[in-house]
Each structure stands twice: as C-alpha cells, then as structure tokens.
C-alpha cells in the first residue's frame, strides 16, 4: 500500500469550497489512525499535487501553515473558493458543519476500487 498516493487521491476528491479533516482523509485511505501521517505527507509534498489548503484539523482549525509560503496562504486560498474563515482564540477556523466535506458511501467505494485497480 502506498499511503502517500492514497492521500493524494483522497485530497483531490475534496470539492472546491469544502474542507476535510486529517482524520477523515486517513479514514478514507484505509488507515483511520494515521491522521498525523496525512499532515506529514501534505507538509512535505509526498501526496503529489494535492489541494492541501482544503485539509484542516478535527476542530476546523487551519493547522497547515507550515505547508504554505505565508502563514495566511491557506486562509486566502479557502476564502478564494468561498469558504468563510473566522478568527478564534485558537487560530483561523472553518465551520465544519457548513463547509465540511460530507463524502458519500459511493465516493468511499470509488476510492476503494481505485486503490485496488492502481495497486496502492
């Protein structure tokens, strides 16, 4: 299994104007306990051309600043897609109830089939 290719494939499925959590990505990759590995892959470019700006932590906080040229780049990219980002005491925040990607069972099964066909 190539977890990094899986992470890239899942991230590319996140629709424009939506966000997903590191844990959600890990779950869809078949590795539900590997949320930190998702962050590592995105930070170090191991997941290919994945839209890393669409990935936030489980609380909806933008936590990928180290992956971008400037500390507010992730915020600007999300706002450019219509996602409202607000400032909280903990940092920049996205309302997961409103902008969280609610993947379908069909999407999860398509990913599983893709992973099997690609041998990843």
Protein backbone atom coordinates (compact mmCIF):
# COMPACT_ATOMS: atom_id res chain seq x y z
CA UNK A 1 0.00 0.00 0.00
CA UNK A 2 1.31 3.43 -0.94
CA UNK A 3 -0.30 5.64 1.69
CA UNK A 4 1.03 8.83 0.11
CA UNK A 5 -0.61 8.10 -3.26
CA UNK A 6 -3.82 7.29 -1.41
CA UNK A 7 -3.66 10.59 0.50
CA UNK A 8 -3.20 12.49 -2.76
CA UNK A 9 -6.12 10.71 -4.41
CA UNK A 10 -8.45 11.40 -1.48
CA UNK A 11 -7.42 15.05 -1.22
CA UNK A 12 -8.06 15.57 -4.93
CA UNK A 13 -11.66 14.41 -4.35
CA UNK A 14 -12.41 17.17 -1.83
CA UNK A 15 -14.71 19.52 -3.73
CA UNK A 16 -13.81 23.17 -4.21
CA UNK A 17 -15.40 25.21 -1.42
CA UNK A 18 -15.23 22.34 1.08
CA UNK A 19 -12.72 21.10 3.66
CA UNK A 20 -11.89 17.72 5.17
CA UNK A 21 -10.07 16.79 8.35
CA UNK A 22 -6.78 14.92 8.53
CA UNK A 23 -8.65 12.09 10.24
CA UNK A 24 -11.27 11.92 7.51
CA UNK A 25 -8.54 11.65 4.89
CA UNK A 26 -6.81 8.91 6.87
CA UNK A 27 -10.09 7.01 7.25
CA UNK A 28 -10.79 7.14 3.50
CA UNK A 29 -7.23 5.92 2.88
CA UNK A 30 -7.98 2.82 4.96
CA UNK A 31 -5.70 3.98 7.79
CA UNK A 32 -8.05 5.62 10.33
CA UNK A 33 -5.34 6.06 12.96
CA UNK A 34 -2.86 7.83 10.66
CA UNK A 35 -4.11 11.43 10.68
CA UNK A 36 -0.62 12.71 11.54
CA UNK A 37 0.81 10.88 8.55
CA UNK A 38 -1.66 12.79 6.35
CA UNK A 39 -0.29 16.05 7.74
CA UNK A 40 3.28 14.88 7.20
CA UNK A 41 2.56 13.91 3.60
CA UNK A 42 0.93 17.24 2.79
CA UNK A 43 3.63 19.27 4.54
CA UNK A 44 6.44 17.52 2.67
CA UNK A 45 4.73 17.29 -0.73
CA UNK A 46 4.59 13.48 -0.64
CA UNK A 47 0.97 13.35 -1.82
CA UNK A 48 1.64 14.90 -5.22
CA UNK A 49 -0.44 17.84 -6.40
CA UNK A 50 -3.00 17.56 -3.61
CA UNK A 51 -5.06 20.61 -2.61
CA UNK A 52 -3.59 20.74 0.90
CA UNK A 53 -5.37 24.00 1.66
CA UNK A 54 -8.66 22.05 1.90
CA UNK A 55 -7.43 20.00 4.86
CA UNK A 56 -8.00 21.25 8.42
CA UNK A 57 -7.84 19.68 11.87
CA UNK A 58 -10.78 17.96 13.56
CA UNK A 59 -11.88 21.21 15.21
CA UNK A 60 -11.95 23.08 11.91
CA UNK A 61 -8.73 24.95 12.66
CA UNK A 62 -6.31 25.76 9.85
CA UNK A 63 -3.22 23.93 11.01
CA UNK A 64 -1.22 23.58 7.82
CA UNK A 65 0.62 26.92 7.86
CA UNK A 66 3.99 25.17 7.55
CA UNK A 67 2.87 23.79 4.18
CA UNK A 68 2.40 27.22 2.59
CA UNK A 69 4.61 30.13 1.55
CA UNK A 70 2.97 32.53 4.02
CA UNK A 71 1.13 31.92 7.28
CA UNK A 72 -2.18 33.16 5.81
CA UNK A 73 -1.96 31.47 2.39
CA UNK A 74 -4.29 28.59 3.39
CA UNK A 75 -6.86 31.13 4.61
CA UNK A 76 -6.64 33.13 1.38
CA UNK A 77 -6.98 30.02 -0.81
CA UNK A 78 -10.05 28.84 1.10
CA UNK A 79 -11.66 32.26 1.00
CA UNK A 80 -10.99 32.33 -2.74
CA UNK A 81 -13.17 29.22 -3.00
CA UNK A 82 -15.97 30.80 -0.99
CA UNK A 83 -15.14 29.24 2.39
CA UNK A 84 -15.66 31.63 5.29
CA UNK A 85 -12.65 31.64 7.64
CA UNK A 86 -13.03 33.35 11.01
CA UNK A 87 -10.54 34.21 13.71
CA UNK A 88 -10.89 32.43 17.05
CA UNK A 89 -8.64 32.45 20.08
CA UNK A 90 -7.05 29.18 18.89
CA UNK A 91 -6.46 30.45 15.35
CA UNK A 92 -8.17 30.61 11.96
CA UNK A 93 -11.33 28.49 11.90
CA UNK A 94 -13.72 26.96 9.36
CA UNK A 95 -17.24 25.88 10.33
CA UNK A 96 -17.15 22.14 9.61
CA UNK A 97 -20.94 21.87 9.82
CA UNK A 98 -21.19 24.29 6.90
CA UNK A 99 -18.04 23.61 4.86
CA UNK A 100 -17.02 20.10 5.88
CA UNK A 101 -16.92 17.58 3.04
CA UNK A 102 -19.62 15.03 3.67
CA UNK A 103 -18.29 12.26 1.46
CA UNK A 104 -20.79 9.66 0.34
CA UNK A 105 -20.61 5.90 0.57
CA UNK A 106 -20.39 5.88 -3.23
CA UNK A 107 -17.29 8.10 -3.10
CA UNK A 108 -15.68 5.85 -0.48
CA UNK A 109 -16.36 2.78 -2.60
CA UNK A 110 -14.99 4.50 -5.71
CA UNK A 111 -11.79 5.28 -3.81
CA UNK A 112 -11.53 1.67 -2.63
CA UNK A 113 -11.93 0.44 -6.20
CA UNK A 114 -9.37 2.97 -7.46
CA UNK A 115 -6.84 1.87 -4.82
CA UNK A 116 -7.36 -1.76 -5.79
CA UNK A 117 -7.05 -1.09 -9.53
CA UNK A 118 -3.91 1.04 -9.09
CA UNK A 119 -2.39 -1.37 -6.60
CA UNK A 120 -1.95 1.36 -3.99
